[in-house]
C-alpha atoms as a PDB file:
ATOM      1  CA  UNK A   1     115.722 128.633  92.208  1.00  0.00           C
ATOM      2  CA  UNK A   2     118.782 126.750  92.398  1.00  0.00           C
ATOM      3  CA  UNK A   3     120.610 125.115  95.840  1.00  0.00           C
ATOM      4  CA  UNK A   4     123.478 127.114  96.178  1.00  0.00           C
ATOM      5  CA  UNK A   5     125.576 127.993  98.922  1.00  0.00           C
ATOM      6  CA  UNK A   6     126.144 131.216 101.408  1.00  0.00           C
ATOM      7  CA  UNK A   7     127.571 133.977  99.336  1.00  0.00           C
ATOM      8  CA  UNK A   8     131.233 135.691 100.337  1.00  0.00           C
ATOM      9  CA  UNK A   9     130.715 138.791 103.158  1.00  0.00           C
ATOM     10  CA  UNK A  10     131.638 140.956  99.914  1.00  0.00           C
ATOM     11  CA  UNK A  11     127.822 139.811  98.518  1.00  0.00           C
ATOM     12  CA  UNK A  12     126.313 139.328 101.884  1.00  0.00           C
ATOM     13  CA  UNK A  13     124.362 143.204 101.472  1.00  0.00           C
ATOM     14  CA  UNK A  14     123.679 142.460  97.347  1.00  0.00           C
ATOM     15  CA  UNK A  15     122.443 138.717  98.637  1.00  0.00           C
ATOM     16  CA  UNK A  16     119.697 140.578 101.014  1.00  0.00           C
ATOM     17  CA  UNK A  17     117.421 141.698  98.801  1.00  0.00           C
ATOM     18  CA  UNK A  18     116.650 139.017  96.471  1.00  0.00           C
ATOM     19  CA  UNK A  19     115.997 135.089  96.706  1.00  0.00           C
ATOM     20  CA  UNK A  20     119.294 133.786  96.284  1.00  0.00           C
ATOM     21  CA  UNK A  21     119.008 130.060  97.432  1.00  0.00           C
ATOM     22  CA  UNK A  22     121.753 128.405  99.619  1.00  0.00           C
ATOM     23  CA  UNK A  23     122.275 124.416  99.551  1.00  0.00           C
ATOM     24  CA  UNK A  24     122.838 124.441 101.355  1.00  0.00           C
ATOM     25  CA  UNK A  25     127.804 113.167 111.357  1.00  0.00           C
ATOM     26  CA  UNK A  26     128.664 112.899 114.395  1.00  0.00           C
ATOM     27  CA  UNK A  27     130.528 114.075 117.112  1.00  0.00           C
ATOM     28  CA  UNK A  28     134.482 114.249 116.680  1.00  0.00           C
ATOM     29  CA  UNK A  29     135.036 111.069 118.896  1.00  0.00           C
ATOM     30  CA  UNK A  30     133.005 109.080 116.535  1.00  0.00           C
ATOM     31  CA  UNK A  31     134.340 110.602 113.402  1.00  0.00           C
ATOM     32  CA  UNK A  32     137.991 110.167 113.904  1.00  0.00           C
ATOM     33  CA  UNK A  33     140.360 109.297 116.819  1.00  0.00           C
ATOM     34  CA  UNK A  34     141.382 112.899 117.268  1.00  0.00           C
ATOM     35  CA  UNK A  35     145.350 111.732 118.268  1.00  0.00           C
ATOM     36  CA  UNK A  36     145.688 109.579 114.898  1.00  0.00           C
ATOM     37  CA  UNK A  37     148.526 110.978 113.360  1.00  0.00           C
ATOM     38  CA  UNK A  38     147.036 111.053 109.610  1.00  0.00           C
ATOM     39  CA  UNK A  39     143.243 111.743 110.780  1.00  0.00           C
ATOM     40  CA  UNK A  40     142.296 108.791 109.068  1.00  0.00           C
ATOM     41  CA  UNK A  41     138.431 108.731 108.403  1.00  0.00           C
ATOM     42  CA  UNK A  42     137.633 105.738 106.639  1.00  0.00           C
ATOM     43  CA  UNK A  43     135.164 103.648 109.895  1.00  0.00           C
ATOM     44  CA  UNK A  44     131.961 104.439 111.499  1.00  0.00           C
ATOM     45  CA  UNK A  45     129.694 102.642 114.326  1.00  0.00           C
ATOM     46  CA  UNK A  46     129.169  99.085 112.618  1.00  0.00           C
ATOM     47  CA  UNK A  47     125.281 100.462 113.329  1.00  0.00           C
ATOM     48  CA  UNK A  48     125.463 102.940 110.819  1.00  0.00           C
ATOM     49  CA  UNK A  49     123.240 101.876 107.516  1.00  0.00           C
ATOM     50  CA  UNK A  50     125.850 101.821 104.579  1.00  0.00           C
ATOM     51  CA  UNK A  51     125.154 102.955 101.283  1.00  0.00           C
ATOM     52  CA  UNK A  52     127.523 102.751  98.099  1.00  0.00           C
ATOM     53  CA  UNK A  53     126.910 105.031  95.325  1.00  0.00           C
ATOM     54  CA  UNK A  54     128.789 103.712  91.888  1.00  0.00           C
ATOM     55  CA  UNK A  55     129.479 106.652  89.946  1.00  0.00           C
ATOM     56  CA  UNK A  56     131.488 106.665  86.651  1.00  0.00           C
ATOM     57  CA  UNK A  57     134.489 107.793  88.427  1.00  0.00           C
ATOM     58  CA  UNK A  58     134.862 105.279  90.962  1.00  0.00           C
ATOM     59  CA  UNK A  59     132.308 103.905  94.041  1.00  0.00           C
ATOM     60  CA  UNK A  60     131.491 105.824  97.139  1.00  0.00           C
ATOM     61  CA  UNK A  61     130.363 104.199 100.485  1.00  0.00           C
ATOM     62  CA  UNK A  62     128.902 106.229 102.879  1.00  0.00           C
ATOM     63  CA  UNK A  63     127.659 105.787 106.338  1.00  0.00           C
ATOM     64  CA  UNK A  64     124.531 107.143 107.415  1.00  0.00           C
ATOM     65  CA  UNK A  65     124.118 108.871 111.194  1.00  0.00           C
ATOM     66  CA  UNK A  66     120.592 107.042 112.630  1.00  0.00           C
ATOM     67  CA  UNK A  67     120.815 109.492 115.467  1.00  0.00           C
ATOM     68  CA  UNK A  68     119.730 111.766 112.281  1.00  0.00           C
ATOM     69  CA  UNK A  69     116.608 109.547 111.993  1.00  0.00           C
ATOM     70  CA  UNK A  70     114.462 111.689 109.748  1.00  0.00           C
ATOM     71  CA  UNK A  71     117.279 112.382 107.121  1.00  0.00           C
ATOM     72  CA  UNK A  72     118.452 108.978 107.173  1.00  0.00           C
ATOM     73  CA  UNK A  73     115.278 107.066 106.730  1.00  0.00           C
ATOM     74  CA  UNK A  74     114.307 109.342 104.389  1.00  0.00           C
ATOM     75  CA  UNK A  75     117.454 108.733 102.218  1.00  0.00           C
ATOM     76  CA  UNK A  76     117.310 104.736 102.636  1.00  0.00           C
ATOM     77  CA  UNK A  77     113.861 105.526 101.129  1.00  0.00           C
ATOM     78  CA  UNK A  78     114.891 106.926  98.093  1.00  0.00           C
ATOM     79  CA  UNK A  79     117.988 104.595  97.730  1.00  0.00           C
ATOM     80  CA  UNK A  80     115.283 101.881  98.073  1.00  0.00           C
ATOM     81  CA  UNK A  81     113.393 103.190  95.296  1.00  0.00           C
ATOM     82  CA  UNK A  82     116.179 103.867  92.957  1.00  0.00           C
ATOM     83  CA  UNK A  83     115.702 107.929  92.981  1.00  0.00           C
ATOM     84  CA  UNK A  84     119.415 108.165  92.670  1.00  0.00           C
ATOM     85  CA  UNK A  85     120.374 106.049  89.440  1.00  0.00           C
ATOM     86  CA  UNK A  86     120.876 107.908  86.725  1.00  0.00           C
ATOM     87  CA  UNK A  87     121.348 111.322  88.433  1.00  0.00           C
ATOM     88  CA  UNK A  88     124.716 113.408  87.832  1.00  0.00           C
ATOM     89  CA  UNK A  89     126.667 115.281  90.533  1.00  0.00           C
ATOM     90  CA  UNK A  90     125.593 118.677  88.796  1.00  0.00           C
ATOM     91  CA  UNK A  91     127.514 120.905  91.481  1.00  0.00           C
ATOM     92  CA  UNK A  92     131.196 120.616  92.096  1.00  0.00           C
ATOM     93  CA  UNK A  93     133.495 123.008  93.612  1.00  0.00           C
ATOM     94  CA  UNK A  94     136.979 122.143  94.311  1.00  0.00           C
ATOM     95  CA  UNK A  95     138.038 122.363  98.291  1.00  0.00           C
ATOM     96  CA  UNK A  96     134.375 122.894  98.760  1.00  0.00           C
ATOM     97  CA  UNK A  97     131.891 120.169  97.993  1.00  0.00           C
ATOM     98  CA  UNK A  98     130.073 117.549  94.939  1.00  0.00           C
ATOM     99  CA  UNK A  99     126.807 118.254  95.252  1.00  0.00           C
ATOM    100  CA  UNK A 100     123.787 115.910  93.856  1.00  0.00           C
ATOM    101  CA  UNK A 101     120.205 114.888  93.869  1.00  0.00           C
ATOM    102  CA  UNK A 102     118.173 116.551  91.726  1.00  0.00           C
ATOM    103  CA  UNK A 103     116.398 113.941  89.475  1.00  0.00           C
ATOM    104  CA  UNK A 104     116.395 116.937  86.315  1.00  0.00           C
ATOM    105  CA  UNK A 105     119.683 115.834  86.149  1.00  0.00           C
ATOM    106  CA  UNK A 106     118.862 112.185  84.493  1.00  0.00           C
ATOM    107  CA  UNK A 107     120.024 112.933  81.067  1.00  0.00           C
ATOM    108  CA  UNK A 108     120.592 116.295  81.111  1.00  0.00           C
ATOM    109  CA  UNK A 109     122.011 117.859  78.122  1.00  0.00           C
ATOM    110  CA  UNK A 110     124.926 120.079  78.289  1.00  0.00           C
ATOM    111  CA  UNK A 111     122.956 123.024  78.032  1.00  0.00           C
ATOM    112  CA  UNK A 112     119.910 121.999  80.208  1.00  0.00           C
ATOM    113  CA  UNK A 113     119.168 123.876  83.736  1.00  0.00           C
ATOM    114  CA  UNK A 114     119.863 122.055  86.717  1.00  0.00           C
ATOM    115  CA  UNK A 115     120.015 122.053  90.591  1.00  0.00           C
ATOM    116  CA  UNK A 116     116.121 123.202  91.508  1.00  0.00           C
ATOM    117  CA  UNK A 117     114.716 119.872  91.311  1.00  0.00           C
ATOM    118  CA  UNK A 118     113.526 117.399  93.685  1.00  0.00           C
ATOM    119  CA  UNK A 119     110.734 115.440  95.206  1.00  0.00           C
ATOM    120  CA  UNK A 120     108.563 118.043  96.279  1.00  0.00           C
ATOM    121  CA  UNK A 121     108.982 118.192  99.620  1.00  0.00           C
ATOM    122  CA  UNK A 122     111.521 119.019 102.478  1.00  0.00           C
ATOM    123  CA  UNK A 123     113.361 117.052 105.086  1.00  0.00           C
ATOM    124  CA  UNK A 124     112.865 118.987 108.960  1.00  0.00           C
ATOM    125  CA  UNK A 125     116.309 120.580 109.791  1.00  0.00           C
ATOM    126  CA  UNK A 126     118.472 117.939 112.280  1.00  0.00           C
ATOM    127  CA  UNK A 127     121.311 120.163 112.627  1.00  0.00           C
ATOM    128  CA  UNK A 128     123.304 120.106 115.415  1.00  0.00           C
ATOM    129  CA  UNK A 129     126.217 122.195 116.835  1.00  0.00           C
ATOM    130  CA  UNK A 130     128.403 118.467 117.447  1.00  0.00           C
ATOM    131  CA  UNK A 131     128.230 118.025 114.008  1.00  0.00           C
ATOM    132  CA  UNK A 132     130.648 119.446 111.263  1.00  0.00           C
ATOM    133  CA  UNK A 133     131.875 119.419 107.979  1.00  0.00           C
ATOM    134  CA  UNK A 134     134.652 117.906 108.487  1.00  0.00           C
ATOM    135  CA  UNK A 135     135.982 116.629 104.810  1.00  0.00           C
ATOM    136  CA  UNK A 136     133.968 113.702 103.942  1.00  0.00           C
ATOM    137  CA  UNK A 137     130.845 114.593 105.516  1.00  0.00           C
ATOM    138  CA  UNK A 138     127.255 113.816 104.500  1.00  0.00           C
ATOM    139  CA  UNK A 139     125.154 116.913 104.585  1.00  0.00           C
ATOM    140  CA  UNK A 140     121.801 117.793 102.953  1.00  0.00           C
ATOM    141  CA  UNK A 141     121.132 121.048 100.859  1.00  0.00           C
ATOM    142  CA  UNK A 142     118.154 123.543 101.491  1.00  0.00           C
ATOM    143  CA  UNK A 143     117.155 126.910 100.123  1.00  0.00           C
ATOM    144  CA  UNK A 144     118.271 130.056 102.079  1.00  0.00           C
ATOM    145  CA  UNK A 145     117.240 131.853 105.382  1.00  0.00           C
ATOM    146  CA  UNK A 146     115.083 134.293 103.426  1.00  0.00           C
ATOM    147  CA  UNK A 147     112.778 131.394 101.814  1.00  0.00           C
ATOM    148  CA  UNK A 148     113.441 129.245 104.610  1.00  0.00           C
ATOM    149  CA  UNK A 149     113.928 130.203 107.662  1.00  0.00           C
ATOM    150  CA  UNK A 150     113.901 126.998 109.602  1.00  0.00           C
ATOM    151  CA  UNK A 151     116.956 125.941 107.671  1.00  0.00           C
ATOM    152  CA  UNK A 152     114.764 122.776 106.647  1.00  0.00           C
ATOM    153  CA  UNK A 153     116.364 120.333 103.819  1.00  0.00           C
ATOM    154  CA  UNK A 154     115.739 119.372 100.539  1.00  0.00           C
ATOM    155  CA  UNK A 155     113.876 115.949  99.973  1.00  0.00           C
ATOM    156  CA  UNK A 156     117.061 114.892  97.910  1.00  0.00           C
ATOM    157  CA  UNK A 157     119.393 116.647  96.983  1.00  0.00           C
ATOM    158  CA  UNK A 158     122.793 116.420  99.374  1.00  0.00           C
ATOM    159  CA  UNK A 159     126.321 116.989  99.052  1.00  0.00           C
ATOM    160  CA  UNK A 160     129.951 115.805 100.291  1.00  0.00           C
ATOM    161  CA  UNK A 161     132.161 117.458 101.621  1.00  0.00           C
ATOM    162  CA  UNK A 162     135.897 117.927 100.150  1.00  0.00           C
ATOM    163  CA  UNK A 163     137.016 121.467 102.153  1.00  0.00           C
ATOM    164  CA  UNK A 164     140.548 122.539 102.870  1.00  0.00           C
ATOM    165  CA  UNK A 165     143.098 122.763 105.405  1.00  0.00           C
ATOM    166  CA  UNK A 166     142.462 125.937 107.913  1.00  0.00           C
ATOM    167  CA  UNK A 167     144.942 127.386 110.462  1.00  0.00           C
ATOM    168  CA  UNK A 168     143.450 129.751 112.750  1.00  0.00           C
ATOM    169  CA  UNK A 169     143.771 132.660 110.478  1.00  0.00           C
ATOM    170  CA  UNK A 170     141.657 130.778 107.713  1.00  0.00           C
ATOM    171  CA  UNK A 171     139.364 128.972 110.336  1.00  0.00           C
ATOM    172  CA  UNK A 172     138.593 132.738 111.833  1.00  0.00           C
ATOM    173  CA  UNK A 173     138.022 133.466 107.818  1.00  0.00           C
ATOM    174  CA  UNK A 174     135.215 130.998 107.467  1.00  0.00           C
ATOM    175  CA  UNK A 175     133.181 132.468 110.389  1.00  0.00           C
ATOM    176  CA  UNK A 176     132.085 135.455 108.548  1.00  0.00           C
ATOM    177  CA  UNK A 177     129.218 134.581 107.288  1.00  0.00           C
ATOM    178  CA  UNK A 178     127.856 133.420 110.710  1.00  0.00           C
ATOM    179  CA  UNK A 179     129.256 136.839 112.766  1.00  0.00           C
ATOM    180  CA  UNK A 180     127.507 138.308 109.933  1.00  0.00           C
ATOM    181  CA  UNK A 181     124.815 136.804 110.892  1.00  0.00           C
ATOM    182  CA  UNK A 182     124.904 137.638 114.742  1.00  0.00           C
ATOM    183  CA  UNK A 183     125.890 141.166 113.300  1.00  0.00           C
ATOM    184  CA  UNK A 184     123.313 141.659 111.443  1.00  0.00           C
ATOM    185  CA  UNK A 185     120.533 140.876 114.179  1.00  0.00           C
ATOM    186  CA  UNK A 186     121.384 143.649 117.019  1.00  0.00           C
ATOM    187  CA  UNK A 187     119.292 146.547 116.991  1.00  0.00           C
ATOM    188  CA  UNK A 188     122.340 148.549 117.287  1.00  0.00           C
ATOM    189  CA  UNK A 189     123.333 147.567 113.352  1.00  0.00           C
ATOM    190  CA  UNK A 190     120.333 147.665 111.725  1.00  0.00           C
ATOM    191  CA  UNK A 191     121.329 151.085 110.521  1.00  0.00           C
ATOM    192  CA  UNK A 192     124.170 150.139 109.066  1.00  0.00           C
ATOM    193  CA  UNK A 193     122.893 147.016 107.604  1.00  0.00           C
ATOM    194  CA  UNK A 194     120.109 148.895 105.763  1.00  0.00           C
ATOM    195  CA  UNK A 195     122.887 151.428 104.471  1.00  0.00           C
ATOM    196  CA  UNK A 196     124.588 148.149 102.980  1.00  0.00           C
ATOM    197  CA  UNK A 197     121.444 147.020 101.561  1.00  0.00           C
ATOM    198  CA  UNK A 198     120.618 150.629  99.820  1.00  0.00           C
ATOM    199  CA  UNK A 199     124.258 150.674  98.350  1.00  0.00           C
ATOM    200  CA  UNK A 200     124.043 147.619  96.770  1.00  0.00           C
ATOM    201  CA  UNK A 201     120.863 148.461  95.204  1.00  0.00           C
ATOM    202  CA  UNK A 202     122.225 151.921  93.971  1.00  0.00           C
ATOM    203  CA  UNK A 203     125.154 150.119  92.507  1.00  0.00           C
ATOM    204  CA  UNK A 204     128.059 152.026  94.582  1.00  0.00           C
ATOM    205  CA  UNK A 205     130.531 149.373  95.110  1.00  0.00           C
ATOM    206  CA  UNK A 206     133.313 151.642  95.719  1.00  0.00           C
ATOM    207  CA  UNK A 207     131.318 152.729  98.969  1.00  0.00           C
ATOM    208  CA  UNK A 208     130.009 149.515  99.780  1.00  0.00           C
ATOM    209  CA  UNK A 209     133.598 147.999  99.928  1.00  0.00           C
ATOM    210  CA  UNK A 210     134.060 150.929 102.196  1.00  0.00           C
ATOM    211  CA  UNK A 211     131.214 149.981 104.514  1.00  0.00           C
ATOM    212  CA  UNK A 212     132.208 146.614 104.005  1.00  0.00           C
ATOM    213  CA  UNK A 213     135.484 147.427 105.436  1.00  0.00           C
ATOM    214  CA  UNK A 214     134.034 148.913 108.434  1.00  0.00           C
ATOM    215  CA  UNK A 215     131.825 145.629 109.420  1.00  0.00           C
ATOM    216  CA  UNK A 216     134.585 143.741 109.352  1.00  0.00           C
ATOM    217  CA  UNK A 217     136.194 145.964 111.967  1.00  0.00           C
ATOM    218  CA  UNK A 218     133.191 146.136 114.006  1.00  0.00           C
ATOM    219  CA  UNK A 219     132.648 141.993 113.348  1.00  0.00           C
ATOM    220  CA  UNK A 220     136.131 140.729 115.057  1.00  0.00           C
ATOM    221  CA  UNK A 221     134.451 140.471 118.513  1.00  0.00           C
ATOM    222  CA  UNK A 222     131.715 138.299 117.193  1.00  0.00           C
ATOM    223  CA  UNK A 223     134.190 136.258 114.888  1.00  0.00           C
ATOM    224  CA  UNK A 224     136.637 135.899 118.440  1.00  0.00           C
ATOM    225  CA  UNK A 225     133.756 134.893 120.386  1.00  0.00           C
ATOM    226  CA  UNK A 226     132.672 131.938 117.919  1.00  0.00           C
ATOM    227  CA  UNK A 227     136.217 131.035 117.750  1.00  0.00           C
ATOM    228  CA  UNK A 228     137.047 130.820 120.911  1.00  0.00           C
ATOM    229  CA  UNK A 229     133.504 128.818 121.465  1.00  0.00           C
ATOM    230  CA  UNK A 230     134.843 126.195 119.087  1.00  0.00           C
ATOM    231  CA  UNK A 231     136.782 123.045 120.664  1.00  0.00           C
ATOM    232  CA  UNK A 232     140.297 122.702 120.849  1.00  0.00           C
ATOM    233  CA  UNK A 233     140.291 118.989 119.122  1.00  0.00           C
ATOM    234  CA  UNK A 234     137.627 120.731 116.306  1.00  0.00           C
ATOM    235  CA  UNK A 235     140.312 123.352 115.384  1.00  0.00           C
ATOM    236  CA  UNK A 236     143.258 120.565 115.411  1.00  0.00           C
ATOM    237  CA  UNK A 237     140.771 118.575 112.947  1.00  0.00           C
ATOM    238  CA  UNK A 238     140.094 121.009 110.808  1.00  0.00           C
ATOM    239  CA  UNK A 239     143.667 122.053 110.540  1.00  0.00           C
ATOM    240  CA  UNK A 240     145.340 118.462 110.189  1.00  0.00           C
ATOM    241  CA  UNK A 241     141.895 117.004 108.004  1.00  0.00           C
ATOM    242  CA  UNK A 242     139.898 120.112 106.467  1.00  0.00           C
ATOM    243  CA  UNK A 243     136.601 120.850 105.701  1.00  0.00           C
ATOM    244  CA  UNK A 244     134.232 123.874 105.246  1.00  0.00           C
ATOM    245  CA  UNK A 245     133.540 124.925 108.925  1.00  0.00           C
ATOM    246  CA  UNK A 246     131.611 128.030 107.479  1.00  0.00           C
ATOM    247  CA  UNK A 247     128.598 125.388 106.878  1.00  0.00           C
ATOM    248  CA  UNK A 248     128.662 124.129 110.362  1.00  0.00           C
ATOM    249  CA  UNK A 249     125.310 125.158 112.444  1.00  0.00           C
ATOM    250  CA  UNK A 250     123.613 125.863 108.963  1.00  0.00           C
ATOM    251  CA  UNK A 251     123.053 122.538 107.339  1.00  0.00           C
ATOM    252  CA  UNK A 252     122.229 118.941 108.469  1.00  0.00           C
ATOM    253  CA  UNK A 253     125.068 116.579 108.595  1.00  0.00           C
ATOM    254  CA  UNK A 254     123.997 113.108 108.644  1.00  0.00           C
ATOM    255  CA  UNK A 255     126.726 110.909 107.592  1.00  0.00           C
ATOM    256  CA  UNK A 256     130.288 110.504 106.134  1.00  0.00           C
ATOM    257  CA  UNK A 257     131.619 108.980 103.383  1.00  0.00           C
ATOM    258  CA  UNK A 258     134.320 105.612 104.466  1.00  0.00           C
ATOM    259  CA  UNK A 259     135.391 104.542 101.689  1.00  0.00           C
ATOM    260  CA  UNK A 260     136.338 106.081  98.433  1.00  0.00           C
ATOM    261  CA  UNK A 261     138.310 109.393  99.131  1.00  0.00           C
ATOM    262  CA  UNK A 262     140.151 109.082  95.847  1.00  0.00           C
ATOM    263  CA  UNK A 263     136.896 108.624  93.849  1.00  0.00           C
ATOM    264  CA  UNK A 264     135.904 112.292  96.090  1.00  0.00           C
ATOM    265  CA  UNK A 265     139.067 113.728  95.249  1.00  0.00           C
ATOM    266  CA  UNK A 266     138.851 112.359  91.473  1.00  0.00           C
ATOM    267  CA  UNK A 267     135.238 114.190  90.775  1.00  0.00           C
ATOM    268  CA  UNK A 268     136.185 117.852  92.550  1.00  0.00           C
ATOM    269  CA  UNK A 269     139.079 117.985  90.571  1.00  0.00           C
ATOM    270  CA  UNK A 270     136.818 117.748  87.088  1.00  0.00           C
ATOM    271  CA  UNK A 271     137.086 120.805  85.174  1.00  0.00           C
ATOM    272  CA  UNK A 272     133.665 122.663  85.542  1.00  0.00           C
ATOM    273  CA  UNK A 273     131.517 125.097  83.304  1.00  0.00           C
ATOM    274  CA  UNK A 274     128.609 127.085  83.812  1.00  0.00           C
ATOM    275  CA  UNK A 275     126.695 126.361  87.138  1.00  0.00           C
ATOM    276  CA  UNK A 276     129.879 124.500  88.674  1.00  0.00           C
ATOM    277  CA  UNK A 277     128.586 121.736  86.248  1.00  0.00           C
ATOM    278  CA  UNK A 278     131.355 119.314  85.066  1.00  0.00           C
ATOM    279  CA  UNK A 279     132.485 119.748  81.659  1.00  0.00           C
ATOM    280  CA  UNK A 280     132.295 115.783  82.120  1.00  0.00           C
ATOM    281  CA  UNK A 281     129.270 114.250  83.340  1.00  0.00           C
ATOM    282  CA  UNK A 282     129.761 112.213  86.544  1.00  0.00           C
ATOM    283  CA  UNK A 283     126.983 109.690  86.956  1.00  0.00           C
ATOM    284  CA  UNK A 284     125.451 107.891  89.792  1.00  0.00           C
ATOM    285  CA  UNK A 285     124.976 104.548  88.005  1.00  0.00           C
ATOM    286  CA  UNK A 286     123.647 102.721  90.791  1.00  0.00           C
ATOM    287  CA  UNK A 287     122.780 103.816  94.487  1.00  0.00           C
ATOM    288  CA  UNK A 288     122.407 100.759  96.981  1.00  0.00           C
ATOM    289  CA  UNK A 289     122.530  98.992 100.313  1.00  0.00           C
ATOM    290  CA  UNK A 290     125.245  96.622 100.187  1.00  0.00           C
ATOM    291  CA  UNK A 291     124.457  93.019 101.403  1.00  0.00           C
END
């Protein structure tokens, strides 16, 4: 089983009946000066530990948030043990994220099945509502809520957000999955949810699409409420700097990229094939703590 991401709303009913997995920072004031014109994001507090990923595409320098204690300590432990050396960025989705951390990817052939490896343990969730998936955010992959309701993180797999710019319309669209979870929890909507599952299992896509349109209308108050709760400076940052807000409050952000945004861009633009794996291997030559 692989660490994937939340499906679009159109496929949510279908995903609820299987074991699809999801993959699966600090506050805005620490991440960036929100008054900055260019939204430069190359700084972090001096006390945040740094880790350099020397890759075949260039160097990525990460700063780890010590307040995310379990994730930061685990990541540093793995780096010190040379765990990440030789691993591939096995999953790359343009304008979303780049992912690595599977030990099975070391020396993996082009047709190898990778993306489900790890150290056989998880890290307890440290999700916080003020830690956002802005461009450059370092976040932990995880399995889906169906098999992982506590949202615990993979022991080793992580991703760096590339994301996209989001105006009000697109930011609201990014909230659909979260709004659907709230919609689904309301007992008044249980019959609709069960109907959607039945239509999906029966393969009646026309009726499922019609139901989805009805659900989207009924979800609008949930979306509007979620949008209203987002601070103005966060909305501005997603609009001017970008990110992947659909992941907020669902995955543990435990650091950020402080150097190598050109490398991040180069990796996300690599052509990909099956399972979003780059056709040309992008490898972590060495992960190390700089002196």
